[in-house]
Amino acid sequence: YDPNSSFTAQEREAQQKVVKELFDFIQDLAYLVYTIDQWDEKVEQFQQKNSAPNKTVTKLGAELDALRNKLVVTTGDNYVGAAEPELREKLNDIYGTINSYSGAPSSTQLENIATLRSQFTTAKAEWEKIQSGSLKAFVKVLEKNTTVEQPKIAPFAEFLKL
């Protein structure tokens, strides 16, 4: 680093630490969305292959959509800023801001990250509730009705290689 820089080594270390944490956070979020998408694909396949509506499957589909909508933008016309930012977009914004500044993150930025972590923790708890409720019921439906197989969800380490 430039010895005449206005940023100290401690400020750079703080920035790098937070950037690494945010990078890992983004990966965790991406894996959760990937998992939701894998199950949602199976819900859609089941509904296409079975003409009779199934309340369990319909409920699971609605829950997966609602959770995904809290995590990533799913509306709009794919232009930047066309929809309200969700967790992913907020996380990407703060990651870009902190990563592009060589100094330590501000206390406001750290508070914003804590808020985003809290939202993610809430989303993960919601996912766990779905897994133990509607998703578990859907798995039982799939065991009886073999028109659709359960998704083959890659473990996190494999997902990172995709």
C-alpha atoms as a PDB file:
ATOM      1  CA  TYR A   1       0.000   0.000   0.000  1.00  0.00           C
ATOM      2  CA  ASP A   2       0.988   3.575  -0.564  1.00  0.00           C
ATOM      3  CA  PRO A   3       2.745   4.761   2.610  1.00  0.00           C
ATOM      4  CA  ASN A   4       1.248   8.219   2.058  1.00  0.00           C
ATOM      5  CA  SER A   5      -2.299   6.869   1.983  1.00  0.00           C
ATOM      6  CA  SER A   6      -4.795   8.421   4.361  1.00  0.00           C
ATOM      7  CA  PHE A   7      -5.991   4.923   5.344  1.00  0.00           C
ATOM      8  CA  THR A   8      -4.247   3.012   8.094  1.00  0.00           C
ATOM      9  CA  ALA A   9      -3.456  -0.684   7.987  1.00  0.00           C
ATOM     10  CA  GLN A  10      -6.133  -1.255  10.650  1.00  0.00           C
ATOM     11  CA  GLU A  11      -8.765   0.503   8.511  1.00  0.00           C
ATOM     12  CA  ARG A  12      -7.826  -1.627   5.512  1.00  0.00           C
ATOM     13  CA  GLU A  13      -7.973  -4.792   7.605  1.00  0.00           C
ATOM     14  CA  ALA A  14     -11.416  -3.826   8.910  1.00  0.00           C
ATOM     15  CA  GLN A  15     -12.603  -3.196   5.349  1.00  0.00           C
ATOM     16  CA  GLN A  16     -11.208  -6.497   4.092  1.00  0.00           C
ATOM     17  CA  LYS A  17     -12.748  -8.408   7.006  1.00  0.00           C
ATOM     18  CA  VAL A  18     -16.198  -6.951   6.364  1.00  0.00           C
ATOM     19  CA  VAL A  19     -15.919  -7.507   2.609  1.00  0.00           C
ATOM     20  CA  LYS A  20     -15.085 -11.194   3.239  1.00  0.00           C
ATOM     21  CA  GLU A  21     -18.027 -11.528   5.643  1.00  0.00           C
ATOM     22  CA  LEU A  22     -20.359  -9.930   3.098  1.00  0.00           C
ATOM     23  CA  PHE A  23     -19.042 -12.206   0.357  1.00  0.00           C
ATOM     24  CA  ASP A  24     -19.807 -15.252   2.511  1.00  0.00           C
ATOM     25  CA  PHE A  25     -23.217 -13.775   3.373  1.00  0.00           C
ATOM     26  CA  ILE A  26     -24.019 -13.388  -0.335  1.00  0.00           C
ATOM     27  CA  GLN A  27     -23.071 -17.031  -0.923  1.00  0.00           C
ATOM     28  CA  ASP A  28     -25.319 -18.179   1.936  1.00  0.00           C
ATOM     29  CA  LEU A  29     -28.203 -16.166   0.530  1.00  0.00           C
ATOM     30  CA  ALA A  30     -27.589 -17.541  -2.969  1.00  0.00           C
ATOM     31  CA  TYR A  31     -27.662 -21.102  -1.641  1.00  0.00           C
ATOM     32  CA  LEU A  32     -30.941 -20.536   0.169  1.00  0.00           C
ATOM     33  CA  VAL A  33     -32.518 -19.105  -2.987  1.00  0.00           C
ATOM     34  CA  TYR A  34     -31.092 -21.991  -5.044  1.00  0.00           C
ATOM     35  CA  THR A  35     -32.655 -24.495  -2.628  1.00  0.00           C
ATOM     36  CA  ILE A  36     -36.015 -22.723  -2.748  1.00  0.00           C
ATOM     37  CA  ASP A  37     -35.860 -22.649  -6.553  1.00  0.00           C
ATOM     38  CA  GLN A  38     -35.118 -26.386  -6.727  1.00  0.00           C
ATOM     39  CA  TRP A  39     -38.184 -27.214  -4.639  1.00  0.00           C
ATOM     40  CA  ASP A  40     -40.348 -24.677  -6.466  1.00  0.00           C
ATOM     41  CA  GLU A  41     -39.424 -26.304  -9.777  1.00  0.00           C
ATOM     42  CA  LYS A  42     -40.694 -29.631  -8.436  1.00  0.00           C
ATOM     43  CA  VAL A  43     -43.923 -27.990  -7.232  1.00  0.00           C
ATOM     44  CA  GLU A  44     -44.475 -26.618 -10.745  1.00  0.00           C
ATOM     45  CA  GLN A  45     -43.705 -29.997 -12.329  1.00  0.00           C
ATOM     46  CA  PHE A  46     -46.127 -31.715  -9.976  1.00  0.00           C
ATOM     47  CA  GLN A  47     -48.897 -29.229 -10.782  1.00  0.00           C
ATOM     48  CA  GLN A  48     -48.314 -29.650 -14.523  1.00  0.00           C
ATOM     49  CA  LYS A  49     -48.360 -33.449 -14.382  1.00  0.00           C
ATOM     50  CA  ASN A  50     -51.347 -33.740 -12.042  1.00  0.00           C
ATOM     51  CA  SER A  51     -54.527 -32.047 -13.183  1.00  0.00           C
ATOM     52  CA  ALA A  52     -56.311 -32.335  -9.840  1.00  0.00           C
ATOM     53  CA  PRO A  53     -55.325 -29.473  -7.501  1.00  0.00           C
ATOM     54  CA  ASN A  54     -53.538 -30.518  -4.331  1.00  0.00           C
ATOM     55  CA  LYS A  55     -53.892 -28.161  -1.338  1.00  0.00           C
ATOM     56  CA  THR A  56     -50.545 -29.223   0.129  1.00  0.00           C
ATOM     57  CA  VAL A  57     -48.682 -28.520  -3.113  1.00  0.00           C
ATOM     58  CA  THR A  58     -50.505 -25.241  -3.726  1.00  0.00           C
ATOM     59  CA  LYS A  59     -49.733 -24.068  -0.180  1.00  0.00           C
ATOM     60  CA  LEU A  60     -46.054 -24.981  -0.516  1.00  0.00           C
ATOM     61  CA  GLY A  61     -45.803 -23.145  -3.841  1.00  0.00           C
ATOM     62  CA  ALA A  62     -47.285 -20.008  -2.299  1.00  0.00           C
ATOM     63  CA  GLU A  63     -44.951 -20.192   0.708  1.00  0.00           C
ATOM     64  CA  LEU A  64     -41.876 -20.673  -1.481  1.00  0.00           C
ATOM     65  CA  ASP A  65     -42.867 -17.730  -3.686  1.00  0.00           C
ATOM     66  CA  ALA A  66     -43.515 -15.490  -0.681  1.00  0.00           C
ATOM     67  CA  LEU A  67     -40.148 -16.328   0.880  1.00  0.00           C
ATOM     68  CA  ARG A  68     -38.255 -15.890  -2.399  1.00  0.00           C
ATOM     69  CA  ASN A  69     -39.955 -12.515  -2.899  1.00  0.00           C
ATOM     70  CA  LYS A  70     -38.454 -11.330   0.401  1.00  0.00           C
ATOM     71  CA  LEU A  71     -34.982 -12.452  -0.642  1.00  0.00           C
ATOM     72  CA  VAL A  72     -34.639 -11.362  -4.274  1.00  0.00           C
ATOM     73  CA  VAL A  73     -36.426  -9.139  -6.751  1.00  0.00           C
ATOM     74  CA  THR A  74     -38.861 -11.272  -8.714  1.00  0.00           C
ATOM     75  CA  THR A  75     -41.010  -8.545 -10.247  1.00  0.00           C
ATOM     76  CA  GLY A  76     -40.494  -5.813 -12.775  1.00  0.00           C
ATOM     77  CA  ASP A  77     -39.129  -6.055 -16.266  1.00  0.00           C
ATOM     78  CA  ASN A  78     -35.506  -6.936 -15.448  1.00  0.00           C
ATOM     79  CA  TYR A  79     -34.274  -3.369 -15.746  1.00  0.00           C
ATOM     80  CA  VAL A  80     -32.177  -1.981 -12.927  1.00  0.00           C
ATOM     81  CA  GLY A  81     -34.339  -0.172 -10.410  1.00  0.00           C
ATOM     82  CA  ALA A  82     -37.607  -1.470 -11.882  1.00  0.00           C
ATOM     83  CA  ALA A  83     -38.692  -3.047  -8.591  1.00  0.00           C
ATOM     84  CA  GLU A  84     -38.169  -2.385  -4.912  1.00  0.00           C
ATOM     85  CA  PRO A  85     -34.848  -3.858  -3.773  1.00  0.00           C
ATOM     86  CA  GLU A  86     -35.006  -6.956  -1.634  1.00  0.00           C
ATOM     87  CA  LEU A  87     -32.366  -8.544   0.597  1.00  0.00           C
ATOM     88  CA  ARG A  88     -30.050  -9.599  -2.261  1.00  0.00           C
ATOM     89  CA  GLU A  89     -30.075  -6.188  -3.897  1.00  0.00           C
ATOM     90  CA  LYS A  90     -29.514  -4.367  -0.596  1.00  0.00           C
ATOM     91  CA  LEU A  91     -26.699  -6.745   0.249  1.00  0.00           C
ATOM     92  CA  ASN A  92     -25.080  -6.293  -3.156  1.00  0.00           C
ATOM     93  CA  ASP A  93     -25.271  -2.514  -2.817  1.00  0.00           C
ATOM     94  CA  ILE A  94     -23.560  -2.409   0.558  1.00  0.00           C
ATOM     95  CA  TYR A  95     -20.988  -4.988  -0.567  1.00  0.00           C
ATOM     96  CA  GLY A  96     -20.106  -2.843  -3.597  1.00  0.00           C
ATOM     97  CA  THR A  97     -19.905   0.329  -1.541  1.00  0.00           C
ATOM     98  CA  ILE A  98     -17.651  -1.135   1.143  1.00  0.00           C
ATOM     99  CA  ASN A  99     -15.521  -3.060  -1.341  1.00  0.00           C
ATOM    100  CA  SER A 100     -14.826   0.048  -3.403  1.00  0.00           C
ATOM    101  CA  TYR A 101     -13.669   2.120  -0.415  1.00  0.00           C
ATOM    102  CA  SER A 102     -10.272   1.345   1.099  1.00  0.00           C
ATOM    103  CA  GLY A 103     -11.106   2.643   4.554  1.00  0.00           C
ATOM    104  CA  ALA A 104     -12.986   0.977   7.362  1.00  0.00           C
ATOM    105  CA  PRO A 105     -16.758   0.653   7.011  1.00  0.00           C
ATOM    106  CA  SER A 106     -18.750   3.329   8.808  1.00  0.00           C
ATOM    107  CA  SER A 107     -20.848   2.597  11.870  1.00  0.00           C
ATOM    108  CA  THR A 108     -23.966   3.205   9.754  1.00  0.00           C
ATOM    109  CA  GLN A 109     -22.816   0.624   7.218  1.00  0.00           C
ATOM    110  CA  LEU A 110     -22.152  -1.872   9.998  1.00  0.00           C
ATOM    111  CA  GLU A 111     -25.618  -1.198  11.428  1.00  0.00           C
ATOM    112  CA  ASN A 112     -27.125  -1.745   7.970  1.00  0.00           C
ATOM    113  CA  ILE A 113     -25.283  -5.058   7.679  1.00  0.00           C
ATOM    114  CA  ALA A 114     -26.628  -6.092  11.093  1.00  0.00           C
ATOM    115  CA  THR A 115     -30.152  -5.258   9.888  1.00  0.00           C
ATOM    116  CA  LEU A 116     -29.645  -7.338   6.749  1.00  0.00           C
ATOM    117  CA  ARG A 117     -28.315 -10.232   8.842  1.00  0.00           C
ATOM    118  CA  SER A 118     -31.400 -10.014  11.031  1.00  0.00           C
ATOM    119  CA  GLN A 119     -33.637 -10.146   7.951  1.00  0.00           C
ATOM    120  CA  PHE A 120     -31.715 -13.172   6.694  1.00  0.00           C
ATOM    121  CA  THR A 121     -32.001 -14.910  10.063  1.00  0.00           C
ATOM    122  CA  THR A 122     -35.753 -14.332   9.951  1.00  0.00           C
ATOM    123  CA  ALA A 123     -35.899 -15.712   6.399  1.00  0.00           C
ATOM    124  CA  LYS A 124     -33.921 -18.807   7.417  1.00  0.00           C
ATOM    125  CA  ALA A 125     -36.328 -19.376  10.319  1.00  0.00           C
ATOM    126  CA  GLU A 126     -39.208 -19.061   7.861  1.00  0.00           C
ATOM    127  CA  TRP A 127     -37.486 -21.601   5.590  1.00  0.00           C
ATOM    128  CA  GLU A 128     -37.085 -24.016   8.503  1.00  0.00           C
ATOM    129  CA  LYS A 129     -40.801 -23.645   9.278  1.00  0.00           C
ATOM    130  CA  ILE A 130     -41.649 -24.395   5.634  1.00  0.00           C
ATOM    131  CA  GLN A 131     -39.321 -27.424   5.683  1.00  0.00           C
ATOM    132  CA  SER A 132     -40.966 -28.888   8.770  1.00  0.00           C
ATOM    133  CA  GLY A 133     -44.487 -28.104   7.541  1.00  0.00           C
ATOM    134  CA  SER A 134     -45.535 -27.823   3.907  1.00  0.00           C
ATOM    135  CA  LEU A 135     -42.305 -29.197   2.462  1.00  0.00           C
ATOM    136  CA  LYS A 136     -42.444 -32.269   4.660  1.00  0.00           C
ATOM    137  CA  ALA A 137     -46.053 -32.814   3.571  1.00  0.00           C
ATOM    138  CA  PHE A 138     -45.025 -32.385  -0.085  1.00  0.00           C
ATOM    139  CA  VAL A 139     -42.336 -35.050   0.300  1.00  0.00           C
ATOM    140  CA  LYS A 140     -45.044 -37.440   1.557  1.00  0.00           C
ATOM    141  CA  VAL A 141     -47.179 -36.571  -1.465  1.00  0.00           C
ATOM    142  CA  LEU A 142     -44.210 -37.292  -3.750  1.00  0.00           C
ATOM    143  CA  GLU A 143     -43.657 -40.657  -2.064  1.00  0.00           C
ATOM    144  CA  LYS A 144     -47.246 -41.655  -2.948  1.00  0.00           C
ATOM    145  CA  ASN A 145     -47.394 -39.973  -6.351  1.00  0.00           C
ATOM    146  CA  THR A 146     -44.243 -40.820  -8.264  1.00  0.00           C
ATOM    147  CA  THR A 147     -44.864 -38.530 -11.264  1.00  0.00           C
ATOM    148  CA  VAL A 148     -42.201 -36.153  -9.914  1.00  0.00           C
ATOM    149  CA  GLU A 149     -38.968 -36.928  -8.089  1.00  0.00           C
ATOM    150  CA  GLN A 150     -37.567 -34.931  -5.208  1.00  0.00           C
ATOM    151  CA  PRO A 151     -34.958 -32.398  -6.310  1.00  0.00           C
ATOM    152  CA  LYS A 152     -31.305 -33.302  -6.208  1.00  0.00           C
ATOM    153  CA  ILE A 153     -29.991 -30.360  -4.233  1.00  0.00           C
ATOM    154  CA  ALA A 154     -26.240 -29.971  -4.357  1.00  0.00           C
ATOM    155  CA  PRO A 155     -24.468 -29.615  -1.006  1.00  0.00           C
ATOM    156  CA  PHE A 156     -23.209 -26.084  -0.320  1.00  0.00           C
ATOM    157  CA  ALA A 157     -19.606 -26.888  -1.313  1.00  0.00           C
ATOM    158  CA  GLU A 158     -20.780 -28.347  -4.620  1.00  0.00           C
ATOM    159  CA  PHE A 159     -23.184 -25.460  -5.170  1.00  0.00           C
ATOM    160  CA  LEU A 160     -20.235 -23.048  -5.015  1.00  0.00           C
ATOM    161  CA  LYS A 161     -18.677 -24.895  -7.941  1.00  0.00           C
ATOM    162  CA  LEU A 162     -21.806 -24.648 -10.127  1.00  0.00           C
END
